[in-house]
Amino acid sequence: MTNPHSFIFIGRAGAGKGTQAKLLEIKLKSFHDRPVLHVETGAEFRKFIGSDNYTAKLSKTIIEQGGLMPEFMPVYMWGRLLTEKYTGQEHLIFDGTPRKLLEAELLGSIFPFYNLTNPAVVYLDIEHEESSKRLTIRAKEGRRDDNAEAIERRRLAFEQDVFPVVEWYRTNPNVQFLDIDGHGTMEEVHARIVKSLGLS
């Protein structure tokens, strides 16, 4: 990859977006041609809700209940990271965004602005039952926002908000849409992604 490329990971909660994004980051760095800017929206939110301000407190309540943030918040998160850290040299990986259609449309505006080629949208496809199982395990490992009530809210949020984004990307001529089976070990899923991207 001689030019900067961009990647968007999308899927249900627990699909492995963060894990697979990190594995792709390592794979891209192994080419030694460009650095990678990994935009982890969820991680940014978790840092932000530790702040002592009104917006952070409201955001913390939404996140702990398994809800989706209003569009302006994730746009603020990744917009701030890009303006502060992106130099035009890095590959871009977006993990945990977009989750609503308006956000997806706004995210789409950055690629022509930065003269980037069409992003690869990596949809990690798993069923709700698998998502619930993984989130339950994650809750036992200490994630407070993965309780039973929050898991159900996340299911509803995926079906009502995130899946329409997936379908919008699926037919969008401005992206490379990759429908990846998210079941199996993280190594198996990573191998599917690498093969689909032509990086193997």
N, C-alpha and C. Protein backbone atom coordinates (compact mmCIF):
# COMPACT_ATOMS: atom_id res chain seq x y z
N MET A 1 0.85 -1.19 0.00
CA MET A 1 0.00 0.00 0.00
C MET A 1 0.89 1.24 0.00
N THR A 2 1.03 1.85 -1.16
CA THR A 2 1.91 3.01 -1.25
C THR A 2 1.22 4.30 -0.81
N ASN A 3 -0.10 4.36 -0.88
CA ASN A 3 -0.85 5.53 -0.46
C ASN A 3 -1.62 5.24 0.82
N PRO A 4 -1.99 6.29 1.57
CA PRO A 4 -2.79 6.04 2.78
C PRO A 4 -4.13 5.40 2.44
N HIS A 5 -4.52 4.42 3.22
CA HIS A 5 -5.81 3.76 3.06
C HIS A 5 -6.59 3.91 4.37
N SER A 6 -7.89 3.75 4.27
CA SER A 6 -8.74 3.88 5.46
C SER A 6 -9.65 2.68 5.59
N PHE A 7 -9.97 2.36 6.85
CA PHE A 7 -10.74 1.16 7.17
C PHE A 7 -11.75 1.51 8.26
N ILE A 8 -12.96 1.00 8.11
CA ILE A 8 -14.02 1.24 9.09
C ILE A 8 -14.53 -0.12 9.58
N PHE A 9 -14.45 -0.35 10.89
CA PHE A 9 -14.95 -1.59 11.47
C PHE A 9 -16.34 -1.35 12.05
N ILE A 10 -17.29 -2.20 11.68
CA ILE A 10 -18.66 -2.05 12.14
C ILE A 10 -19.25 -3.43 12.44
N GLY A 11 -20.17 -3.48 13.39
CA GLY A 11 -20.79 -4.76 13.75
C GLY A 11 -21.47 -4.64 15.10
N ARG A 12 -22.05 -5.73 15.54
CA ARG A 12 -22.70 -5.76 16.85
C ARG A 12 -21.69 -5.54 17.97
N ALA A 13 -22.18 -5.14 19.13
CA ALA A 13 -21.35 -5.12 20.33
C ALA A 13 -20.83 -6.53 20.57
N GLY A 14 -19.55 -6.66 20.85
CA GLY A 14 -18.96 -7.97 21.08
C GLY A 14 -18.51 -8.69 19.83
N ALA A 15 -18.66 -8.06 18.67
CA ALA A 15 -18.28 -8.74 17.41
C ALA A 15 -16.77 -8.85 17.25
N GLY A 16 -16.02 -8.08 18.04
CA GLY A 16 -14.56 -8.14 17.94
C GLY A 16 -13.96 -7.00 17.15
N LYS A 17 -14.70 -5.90 17.03
CA LYS A 17 -14.21 -4.77 16.23
C LYS A 17 -12.88 -4.24 16.73
N GLY A 18 -12.78 -4.01 18.06
CA GLY A 18 -11.55 -3.47 18.62
C GLY A 18 -10.37 -4.42 18.44
N THR A 19 -10.61 -5.69 18.70
CA THR A 19 -9.56 -6.70 18.56
C THR A 19 -9.08 -6.79 17.12
N GLN A 20 -10.01 -6.86 16.18
CA GLN A 20 -9.64 -7.01 14.78
C GLN A 20 -9.01 -5.74 14.23
N ALA A 21 -9.44 -4.59 14.71
CA ALA A 21 -8.82 -3.34 14.29
C ALA A 21 -7.36 -3.30 14.72
N LYS A 22 -7.08 -3.75 15.95
CA LYS A 22 -5.70 -3.76 16.44
C LYS A 22 -4.84 -4.75 15.66
N LEU A 23 -5.42 -5.91 15.33
CA LEU A 23 -4.68 -6.89 14.54
C LEU A 23 -4.38 -6.35 13.14
N LEU A 24 -5.33 -5.64 12.55
CA LEU A 24 -5.08 -5.04 11.24
C LEU A 24 -4.01 -3.95 11.35
N GLU A 25 -4.05 -3.20 12.42
CA GLU A 25 -3.03 -2.17 12.63
C GLU A 25 -1.64 -2.79 12.64
N ILE A 26 -1.49 -3.90 13.35
CA ILE A 26 -0.19 -4.60 13.38
C ILE A 26 0.19 -5.08 11.99
N LYS A 27 -0.79 -5.62 11.27
CA LYS A 27 -0.53 -6.12 9.91
C LYS A 27 -0.08 -5.00 8.99
N LEU A 28 -0.76 -3.87 9.07
CA LEU A 28 -0.40 -2.74 8.21
C LEU A 28 1.00 -2.22 8.53
N LYS A 29 1.33 -2.16 9.82
CA LYS A 29 2.65 -1.68 10.22
C LYS A 29 3.76 -2.62 9.75
N SER A 30 3.40 -3.90 9.55
CA SER A 30 4.42 -4.86 9.11
C SER A 30 4.89 -4.58 7.69
N PHE A 31 4.11 -3.77 6.96
CA PHE A 31 4.52 -3.40 5.60
C PHE A 31 5.60 -2.31 5.62
N HIS A 32 5.74 -1.63 6.77
CA HIS A 32 6.77 -0.61 6.96
C HIS A 32 6.70 0.54 5.94
N ASP A 33 5.52 0.77 5.38
CA ASP A 33 5.45 1.87 4.43
C ASP A 33 4.83 3.12 5.05
N ARG A 34 3.92 2.95 6.01
CA ARG A 34 3.25 4.09 6.61
C ARG A 34 2.87 3.80 8.05
N PRO A 35 2.79 4.85 8.89
CA PRO A 35 2.24 4.67 10.23
C PRO A 35 0.72 4.52 10.14
N VAL A 36 0.10 4.20 11.27
CA VAL A 36 -1.34 3.99 11.33
C VAL A 36 -1.93 4.86 12.44
N LEU A 37 -3.01 5.56 12.14
CA LEU A 37 -3.77 6.28 13.16
C LEU A 37 -5.03 5.48 13.42
N HIS A 38 -5.11 4.91 14.62
CA HIS A 38 -6.25 4.06 15.01
C HIS A 38 -7.20 4.92 15.83
N VAL A 39 -8.36 5.22 15.27
CA VAL A 39 -9.36 6.06 15.92
C VAL A 39 -10.32 5.15 16.68
N GLU A 40 -10.10 5.02 18.00
CA GLU A 40 -10.91 4.15 18.84
C GLU A 40 -11.96 4.99 19.57
N THR A 41 -13.13 5.12 18.97
CA THR A 41 -14.15 6.00 19.53
C THR A 41 -14.60 5.55 20.91
N GLY A 42 -14.80 4.24 21.08
CA GLY A 42 -15.24 3.74 22.38
C GLY A 42 -14.23 4.03 23.47
N ALA A 43 -12.95 3.82 23.17
CA ALA A 43 -11.91 4.11 24.16
C ALA A 43 -11.88 5.58 24.49
N GLU A 44 -12.07 6.43 23.47
CA GLU A 44 -12.10 7.88 23.72
C GLU A 44 -13.27 8.25 24.63
N PHE A 45 -14.41 7.61 24.41
CA PHE A 45 -15.57 7.87 25.26
C PHE A 45 -15.29 7.44 26.70
N ARG A 46 -14.68 6.28 26.86
CA ARG A 46 -14.42 5.79 28.21
C ARG A 46 -13.46 6.71 28.96
N LYS A 47 -12.52 7.32 28.25
CA LYS A 47 -11.64 8.31 28.88
C LYS A 47 -12.42 9.59 29.19
N PHE A 48 -13.27 9.98 28.26
CA PHE A 48 -14.00 11.23 28.41
C PHE A 48 -14.96 11.22 29.60
N ILE A 49 -15.64 10.07 29.82
CA ILE A 49 -16.63 10.04 30.90
C ILE A 49 -15.99 10.08 32.28
N GLY A 50 -14.68 10.02 32.34
CA GLY A 50 -13.99 10.21 33.61
C GLY A 50 -13.81 11.67 33.95
N SER A 51 -14.17 12.54 33.00
CA SER A 51 -14.06 13.98 33.24
C SER A 51 -15.16 14.44 34.20
N ASP A 52 -14.88 15.55 34.85
CA ASP A 52 -15.85 16.08 35.82
C ASP A 52 -16.60 17.26 35.20
N ASN A 53 -17.43 16.94 34.20
CA ASN A 53 -18.27 17.99 33.62
C ASN A 53 -19.64 17.43 33.27
N TYR A 54 -20.56 18.29 32.99
CA TYR A 54 -21.96 17.91 32.79
C TYR A 54 -22.13 16.96 31.61
N THR A 55 -21.48 17.27 30.49
CA THR A 55 -21.60 16.44 29.30
C THR A 55 -21.05 15.04 29.56
N ALA A 56 -19.95 14.95 30.28
CA ALA A 56 -19.36 13.65 30.60
C ALA A 56 -20.28 12.83 31.47
N LYS A 57 -20.95 13.47 32.43
CA LYS A 57 -21.86 12.75 33.32
C LYS A 57 -23.06 12.21 32.55
N LEU A 58 -23.61 13.02 31.65
CA LEU A 58 -24.73 12.55 30.83
C LEU A 58 -24.28 11.40 29.91
N SER A 59 -23.08 11.53 29.36
CA SER A 59 -22.55 10.50 28.46
C SER A 59 -22.33 9.19 29.21
N LYS A 60 -21.84 9.28 30.44
CA LYS A 60 -21.59 8.08 31.24
C LYS A 60 -22.88 7.31 31.48
N THR A 61 -23.96 8.02 31.77
CA THR A 61 -25.25 7.36 31.99
C THR A 61 -25.70 6.61 30.75
N ILE A 62 -25.59 7.24 29.59
CA ILE A 62 -26.00 6.61 28.34
C ILE A 62 -25.17 5.36 28.06
N ILE A 63 -23.86 5.48 28.22
CA ILE A 63 -22.97 4.35 27.93
C ILE A 63 -23.22 3.19 28.87
N GLU A 64 -23.37 3.47 30.16
CA GLU A 64 -23.58 2.39 31.13
C GLU A 64 -24.92 1.69 30.94
N GLN A 65 -25.88 2.37 30.31
CA GLN A 65 -27.17 1.77 30.03
C GLN A 65 -27.19 1.04 28.69
N GLY A 66 -26.07 1.09 27.97
CA GLY A 66 -25.99 0.39 26.69
C GLY A 66 -26.60 1.16 25.54
N GLY A 67 -26.84 2.46 25.72
CA GLY A 67 -27.44 3.26 24.66
C GLY A 67 -26.40 3.82 23.70
N LEU A 68 -26.90 4.47 22.65
CA LEU A 68 -26.02 5.12 21.67
C LEU A 68 -26.00 6.62 21.93
N MET A 69 -24.81 7.20 21.78
CA MET A 69 -24.66 8.62 22.00
C MET A 69 -25.31 9.40 20.85
N PRO A 70 -25.77 10.65 21.12
CA PRO A 70 -26.26 11.49 20.02
C PRO A 70 -25.12 11.74 19.05
N GLU A 71 -25.47 11.93 17.79
CA GLU A 71 -24.46 11.96 16.73
C GLU A 71 -23.34 12.96 16.96
N PHE A 72 -23.64 14.10 17.56
CA PHE A 72 -22.60 15.13 17.67
C PHE A 72 -21.42 14.68 18.54
N MET A 73 -21.66 13.75 19.47
CA MET A 73 -20.58 13.35 20.37
C MET A 73 -19.51 12.49 19.69
N PRO A 74 -19.87 11.40 19.01
CA PRO A 74 -18.81 10.65 18.31
C PRO A 74 -18.15 11.47 17.22
N VAL A 75 -18.92 12.34 16.55
CA VAL A 75 -18.32 13.20 15.53
C VAL A 75 -17.27 14.11 16.17
N TYR A 76 -17.59 14.64 17.35
CA TYR A 76 -16.63 15.46 18.09
C TYR A 76 -15.39 14.64 18.43
N MET A 77 -15.59 13.39 18.87
CA MET A 77 -14.46 12.56 19.29
C MET A 77 -13.50 12.31 18.13
N TRP A 78 -14.03 11.77 17.01
CA TRP A 78 -13.10 11.46 15.92
C TRP A 78 -12.67 12.71 15.16
N GLY A 79 -13.52 13.74 15.15
CA GLY A 79 -13.12 14.98 14.49
C GLY A 79 -11.94 15.63 15.20
N ARG A 80 -11.98 15.61 16.54
CA ARG A 80 -10.89 16.19 17.33
C ARG A 80 -9.60 15.41 17.12
N LEU A 81 -9.69 14.08 17.11
CA LEU A 81 -8.50 13.25 16.92
C LEU A 81 -7.86 13.51 15.55
N LEU A 82 -8.70 13.60 14.54
CA LEU A 82 -8.17 13.82 13.19
C LEU A 82 -7.48 15.18 13.08
N THR A 83 -8.14 16.22 13.61
CA THR A 83 -7.55 17.55 13.47
C THR A 83 -6.27 17.69 14.28
N GLU A 84 -6.16 16.96 15.39
CA GLU A 84 -4.98 17.06 16.24
C GLU A 84 -3.84 16.15 15.80
N LYS A 85 -4.17 14.97 15.24
CA LYS A 85 -3.13 13.95 15.06
C LYS A 85 -2.89 13.51 13.61
N TYR A 86 -3.86 13.72 12.72
CA TYR A 86 -3.68 13.19 11.36
C TYR A 86 -2.79 14.12 10.55
N THR A 87 -1.74 13.56 9.95
CA THR A 87 -0.79 14.36 9.18
C THR A 87 -0.94 14.16 7.67
N GLY A 88 -1.81 13.23 7.27
CA GLY A 88 -1.95 12.93 5.85
C GLY A 88 -1.06 11.79 5.40
N GLN A 89 -0.24 11.27 6.31
CA GLN A 89 0.68 10.18 5.96
C GLN A 89 0.19 8.82 6.45
N GLU A 90 -0.69 8.82 7.43
CA GLU A 90 -1.07 7.56 8.08
C GLU A 90 -2.22 6.85 7.38
N HIS A 91 -2.21 5.50 7.50
CA HIS A 91 -3.43 4.74 7.25
C HIS A 91 -4.39 5.06 8.39
N LEU A 92 -5.68 5.10 8.11
CA LEU A 92 -6.69 5.38 9.12
C LEU A 92 -7.53 4.15 9.41
N ILE A 93 -7.72 3.85 10.70
CA ILE A 93 -8.61 2.78 11.11
C ILE A 93 -9.64 3.37 12.06
N PHE A 94 -10.91 3.24 11.70
CA PHE A 94 -12.00 3.69 12.56
C PHE A 94 -12.66 2.48 13.21
N ASP A 95 -12.73 2.52 14.53
CA ASP A 95 -13.24 1.39 15.31
C ASP A 95 -14.31 1.93 16.28
N GLY A 96 -15.54 1.45 16.14
CA GLY A 96 -16.61 1.89 17.03
C GLY A 96 -17.40 3.07 16.50
N THR A 97 -17.20 3.39 15.26
CA THR A 97 -17.94 4.46 14.61
C THR A 97 -17.97 4.18 13.11
N PRO A 98 -19.05 4.48 12.41
CA PRO A 98 -20.27 5.15 12.85
C PRO A 98 -21.31 4.15 13.36
N ARG A 99 -22.25 4.65 14.15
CA ARG A 99 -23.32 3.81 14.67
C ARG A 99 -24.71 4.32 14.29
N LYS A 100 -24.75 5.46 13.63
CA LYS A 100 -26.01 5.99 13.14
C LYS A 100 -25.78 6.53 11.73
N LEU A 101 -26.87 6.60 10.94
CA LEU A 101 -26.74 6.95 9.54
C LEU A 101 -26.18 8.35 9.33
N LEU A 102 -26.64 9.32 10.10
CA LEU A 102 -26.13 10.69 9.96
C LEU A 102 -24.64 10.73 10.23
N GLU A 103 -24.20 9.99 11.24
CA GLU A 103 -22.77 9.94 11.55
C GLU A 103 -21.98 9.33 10.41
N ALA A 104 -22.55 8.28 9.79
CA ALA A 104 -21.88 7.64 8.66
C ALA A 104 -21.72 8.62 7.50
N GLU A 105 -22.76 9.42 7.26
CA GLU A 105 -22.69 10.40 6.19
C GLU A 105 -21.64 11.47 6.48
N LEU A 106 -21.57 11.90 7.75
CA LEU A 106 -20.57 12.90 8.13
C LEU A 106 -19.16 12.32 8.03
N LEU A 107 -19.00 11.08 8.47
CA LEU A 107 -17.69 10.44 8.37
C LEU A 107 -17.26 10.34 6.92
N GLY A 108 -18.23 10.08 6.04
CA GLY A 108 -17.91 9.97 4.61
C GLY A 108 -17.32 11.24 4.03
N SER A 109 -17.57 12.38 4.67
CA SER A 109 -17.07 13.65 4.13
C SER A 109 -15.58 13.83 4.32
N ILE A 110 -14.97 13.04 5.21
CA ILE A 110 -13.53 13.24 5.46
C ILE A 110 -12.66 12.68 4.36
N PHE A 111 -13.14 11.65 3.64
CA PHE A 111 -12.28 10.95 2.69
C PHE A 111 -11.93 11.82 1.48
N PRO A 112 -12.90 12.48 0.85
CA PRO A 112 -12.50 13.41 -0.22
C PRO A 112 -11.72 14.61 0.30
N PHE A 113 -12.03 15.06 1.52
CA PHE A 113 -11.32 16.20 2.10
C PHE A 113 -9.84 15.89 2.25
N TYR A 114 -9.53 14.66 2.71
CA TYR A 114 -8.14 14.26 2.92
C TYR A 114 -7.54 13.57 1.70
N ASN A 115 -8.27 13.57 0.57
CA ASN A 115 -7.80 12.94 -0.66
C ASN A 115 -7.49 11.46 -0.47
N LEU A 116 -8.35 10.79 0.31
CA LEU A 116 -8.19 9.37 0.56
C LEU A 116 -9.05 8.57 -0.41
N THR A 117 -8.58 7.37 -0.76
CA THR A 117 -9.37 6.49 -1.59
C THR A 117 -10.56 5.96 -0.80
N ASN A 118 -11.48 5.33 -1.48
CA ASN A 118 -12.68 4.81 -0.83
C ASN A 118 -12.31 3.89 0.33
N PRO A 119 -12.91 4.09 1.51
CA PRO A 119 -12.56 3.25 2.67
C PRO A 119 -13.08 1.82 2.52
N ALA A 120 -12.38 0.90 3.15
CA ALA A 120 -12.86 -0.48 3.26
C ALA A 120 -13.71 -0.58 4.52
N VAL A 121 -14.96 -0.97 4.38
CA VAL A 121 -15.86 -1.14 5.51
C VAL A 121 -15.89 -2.63 5.88
N VAL A 122 -15.36 -2.95 7.05
CA VAL A 122 -15.26 -4.34 7.50
C VAL A 122 -16.43 -4.61 8.45
N TYR A 123 -17.44 -5.32 7.92
CA TYR A 123 -18.61 -5.66 8.73
C TYR A 123 -18.39 -7.04 9.35
N LEU A 124 -18.23 -7.07 10.67
CA LEU A 124 -18.05 -8.34 11.39
C LEU A 124 -19.44 -8.88 11.74
N ASP A 125 -19.85 -9.89 11.04
CA ASP A 125 -21.21 -10.40 11.12
C ASP A 125 -21.32 -11.55 12.13
N ILE A 126 -22.01 -11.28 13.25
CA ILE A 126 -22.32 -12.33 14.22
C ILE A 126 -23.78 -12.19 14.62
N GLU A 127 -24.37 -13.27 15.12
CA GLU A 127 -25.75 -13.24 15.58
C GLU A 127 -25.83 -12.65 16.98
N HIS A 128 -27.06 -12.26 17.38
CA HIS A 128 -27.26 -11.69 18.71
C HIS A 128 -26.85 -12.66 19.81
N GLU A 129 -27.13 -13.94 19.62
CA GLU A 129 -26.80 -14.92 20.65
C GLU A 129 -25.29 -14.96 20.92
N GLU A 130 -24.52 -14.90 19.85
CA GLU A 130 -23.06 -14.89 20.00
C GLU A 130 -22.60 -13.59 20.65
N SER A 131 -23.20 -12.48 20.24
CA SER A 131 -22.88 -11.19 20.83
C SER A 131 -23.15 -11.21 22.32
N SER A 132 -24.33 -11.71 22.71
CA SER A 132 -24.72 -11.76 24.12
C SER A 132 -23.75 -12.61 24.93
N LYS A 133 -23.34 -13.74 24.37
CA LYS A 133 -22.40 -14.64 25.06
C LYS A 133 -21.07 -13.94 25.29
N ARG A 134 -20.57 -13.26 24.28
CA ARG A 134 -19.28 -12.58 24.41
C ARG A 134 -19.36 -11.42 25.40
N LEU A 135 -20.46 -10.66 25.36
CA LEU A 135 -20.60 -9.53 26.27
C LEU A 135 -20.75 -9.99 27.72
N THR A 136 -21.41 -11.13 27.92
CA THR A 136 -21.54 -11.67 29.26
C THR A 136 -20.18 -12.06 29.83
N ILE A 137 -19.35 -12.65 28.99
CA ILE A 137 -17.99 -12.99 29.41
C ILE A 137 -17.20 -11.72 29.72
N ARG A 138 -17.39 -10.71 28.88
CA ARG A 138 -16.68 -9.44 29.08
C ARG A 138 -17.11 -8.77 30.38
N ALA A 139 -18.40 -8.90 30.71
CA ALA A 139 -18.91 -8.32 31.95
C ALA A 139 -18.25 -8.97 33.16
N LYS A 140 -18.05 -10.28 33.09
CA LYS A 140 -17.40 -10.99 34.19
C LYS A 140 -15.94 -10.57 34.34
N GLU A 141 -15.39 -10.02 33.26
CA GLU A 141 -13.99 -9.57 33.30
C GLU A 141 -13.88 -8.11 33.74
N GLY A 142 -15.04 -7.48 34.05
CA GLY A 142 -14.98 -6.16 34.64
C GLY A 142 -15.59 -5.01 33.87
N ARG A 143 -16.17 -5.27 32.66
CA ARG A 143 -16.80 -4.18 31.93
C ARG A 143 -18.19 -3.90 32.50
N ARG A 144 -18.35 -2.78 33.22
CA ARG A 144 -19.60 -2.46 33.90
C ARG A 144 -20.75 -2.20 32.94
N ASP A 145 -20.44 -1.80 31.70
CA ASP A 145 -21.49 -1.46 30.74
C ASP A 145 -21.95 -2.67 29.94
N ASP A 146 -21.61 -3.89 30.41
CA ASP A 146 -22.02 -5.11 29.72
C ASP A 146 -22.95 -5.97 30.56
N ASN A 147 -23.80 -5.35 31.39
CA ASN A 147 -24.77 -6.11 32.17
C ASN A 147 -25.94 -6.52 31.28
N ALA A 148 -26.83 -7.37 31.83
CA ALA A 148 -27.91 -7.95 31.03
C ALA A 148 -28.82 -6.90 30.41
N GLU A 149 -29.17 -5.88 31.19
CA GLU A 149 -30.05 -4.83 30.67
C GLU A 149 -29.38 -4.06 29.55
N ALA A 150 -28.10 -3.77 29.73
CA ALA A 150 -27.35 -3.05 28.70
C ALA A 150 -27.20 -3.88 27.43
N ILE A 151 -27.04 -5.19 27.58
CA ILE A 151 -26.92 -6.07 26.41
C ILE A 151 -28.19 -6.01 25.58
N GLU A 152 -29.35 -6.01 26.23
CA GLU A 152 -30.61 -5.93 25.50
C GLU A 152 -30.75 -4.58 24.82
N ARG A 153 -30.34 -3.52 25.48
CA ARG A 153 -30.38 -2.19 24.86
C ARG A 153 -29.47 -2.14 23.64
N ARG A 154 -28.35 -2.80 23.74
CA ARG A 154 -27.42 -2.82 22.61
C ARG A 154 -27.99 -3.59 21.43
N ARG A 155 -28.72 -4.67 21.74
CA ARG A 155 -29.38 -5.42 20.66
C ARG A 155 -30.35 -4.52 19.92
N LEU A 156 -31.17 -3.80 20.67
CA LEU A 156 -32.16 -2.92 20.06
C LEU A 156 -31.48 -1.79 19.29
N ALA A 157 -30.40 -1.25 19.86
CA ALA A 157 -29.67 -0.18 19.20
C ALA A 157 -29.08 -0.66 17.88
N PHE A 158 -28.56 -1.88 17.88
CA PHE A 158 -27.99 -2.42 16.64
C PHE A 158 -29.07 -2.56 15.58
N GLU A 159 -30.20 -3.15 15.96
CA GLU A 159 -31.26 -3.39 14.98
C GLU A 159 -31.88 -2.10 14.47
N GLN A 160 -32.02 -1.11 15.35
CA GLN A 160 -32.70 0.13 14.97
C GLN A 160 -31.77 1.14 14.31
N ASP A 161 -30.52 1.20 14.75
CA ASP A 161 -29.61 2.25 14.28
C ASP A 161 -28.42 1.74 13.48
N VAL A 162 -27.73 0.73 14.01
CA VAL A 162 -26.47 0.31 13.38
C VAL A 162 -26.72 -0.50 12.11
N PHE A 163 -27.68 -1.42 12.14
CA PHE A 163 -27.89 -2.26 10.95
C PHE A 163 -28.29 -1.44 9.73
N PRO A 164 -29.12 -0.39 9.87
CA PRO A 164 -29.37 0.46 8.70
C PRO A 164 -28.09 1.09 8.13
N VAL A 165 -27.12 1.36 8.99
CA VAL A 165 -25.83 1.87 8.52
C VAL A 165 -25.11 0.79 7.72
N VAL A 166 -25.15 -0.45 8.23
CA VAL A 166 -24.53 -1.57 7.52
C VAL A 166 -25.12 -1.70 6.12
N GLU A 167 -26.45 -1.65 6.04
CA GLU A 167 -27.12 -1.80 4.74
C GLU A 167 -26.82 -0.61 3.83
N TRP A 168 -26.68 0.57 4.40
CA TRP A 168 -26.33 1.75 3.60
C TRP A 168 -24.93 1.59 3.01
N TYR A 169 -24.00 1.09 3.81
CA TYR A 169 -22.65 0.84 3.32
C TYR A 169 -22.64 -0.27 2.26
N ARG A 170 -23.48 -1.26 2.46
CA ARG A 170 -23.49 -2.43 1.56
C ARG A 170 -23.74 -2.02 0.11
N THR A 171 -24.54 -0.98 -0.09
CA THR A 171 -24.89 -0.54 -1.44
C THR A 171 -24.24 0.79 -1.81
N ASN A 172 -23.29 1.23 -1.00
CA ASN A 172 -22.65 2.53 -1.23
C ASN A 172 -21.48 2.37 -2.20
N PRO A 173 -21.53 3.04 -3.35
CA PRO A 173 -20.45 2.89 -4.33
C PRO A 173 -19.14 3.54 -3.91
N ASN A 174 -19.19 4.33 -2.81
CA ASN A 174 -17.99 5.04 -2.37
C ASN A 174 -17.19 4.30 -1.32
N VAL A 175 -17.55 3.04 -1.05
CA VAL A 175 -16.80 2.22 -0.10
C VAL A 175 -16.56 0.84 -0.69
N GLN A 176 -15.59 0.14 -0.12
CA GLN A 176 -15.38 -1.28 -0.41
C GLN A 176 -15.98 -2.04 0.76
N PHE A 177 -17.12 -2.69 0.55
CA PHE A 177 -17.82 -3.35 1.64
C PHE A 177 -17.38 -4.80 1.75
N LEU A 178 -16.93 -5.19 2.96
CA LEU A 178 -16.48 -6.56 3.20
C LEU A 178 -17.38 -7.20 4.25
N ASP A 179 -18.12 -8.21 3.87
CA ASP A 179 -19.00 -8.93 4.79
C ASP A 179 -18.20 -10.11 5.35
N ILE A 180 -17.74 -9.97 6.59
CA ILE A 180 -16.83 -10.95 7.20
C ILE A 180 -17.56 -11.76 8.26
N ASP A 181 -17.46 -13.07 8.16
CA ASP A 181 -17.99 -13.96 9.20
C ASP A 181 -17.19 -13.73 10.48
N GLY A 182 -17.86 -13.23 11.53
CA GLY A 182 -17.17 -12.90 12.76
C GLY A 182 -17.07 -14.03 13.76
N HIS A 183 -17.53 -15.23 13.40
CA HIS A 183 -17.46 -16.37 14.31
C HIS A 183 -16.09 -17.05 14.21
N GLY A 184 -15.72 -17.74 15.27
CA GLY A 184 -14.44 -18.44 15.29
C GLY A 184 -13.43 -17.71 16.15
N THR A 185 -12.20 -18.17 16.10
CA THR A 185 -11.14 -17.55 16.90
C THR A 185 -10.77 -16.20 16.27
N MET A 186 -10.11 -15.36 17.07
CA MET A 186 -9.72 -14.05 16.54
C MET A 186 -8.72 -14.21 15.39
N GLU A 187 -7.92 -15.27 15.45
CA GLU A 187 -6.96 -15.52 14.38
C GLU A 187 -7.67 -15.90 13.08
N GLU A 188 -8.73 -16.70 13.20
CA GLU A 188 -9.49 -17.11 12.02
C GLU A 188 -10.19 -15.91 11.38
N VAL A 189 -10.77 -15.07 12.21
CA VAL A 189 -11.46 -13.88 11.68
C VAL A 189 -10.45 -12.93 11.04
N HIS A 190 -9.32 -12.74 11.69
CA HIS A 190 -8.26 -11.88 11.15
C HIS A 190 -7.81 -12.38 9.78
N ALA A 191 -7.67 -13.70 9.64
CA ALA A 191 -7.23 -14.28 8.37
C ALA A 191 -8.25 -13.99 7.27
N ARG A 192 -9.54 -14.02 7.60
CA ARG A 192 -10.58 -13.71 6.62
C ARG A 192 -10.49 -12.25 6.18
N ILE A 193 -10.24 -11.37 7.14
CA ILE A 193 -10.14 -9.95 6.83
C ILE A 193 -8.94 -9.69 5.94
N VAL A 194 -7.79 -10.23 6.32
CA VAL A 194 -6.56 -10.03 5.56
C VAL A 194 -6.72 -10.54 4.13
N LYS A 195 -7.34 -11.69 3.98
CA LYS A 195 -7.56 -12.26 2.64
C LYS A 195 -8.48 -11.37 1.81
N SER A 196 -9.55 -10.88 2.43
CA SER A 196 -10.51 -10.04 1.71
C SER A 196 -9.89 -8.72 1.28
N LEU A 197 -8.94 -8.24 2.07
CA LEU A 197 -8.27 -6.97 1.75
C LEU A 197 -7.08 -7.17 0.80
N GLY A 198 -6.76 -8.42 0.51
CA GLY A 198 -5.63 -8.69 -0.36
C GLY A 198 -4.29 -8.43 0.29
N LEU A 199 -4.23 -8.61 1.62
CA LEU A 199 -2.99 -8.36 2.36
C LEU A 199 -2.25 -9.63 2.74
N SER A 200 -2.81 -10.78 2.38
CA SER A 200 -2.18 -12.05 2.79
C SER A 200 -1.00 -12.40 1.90
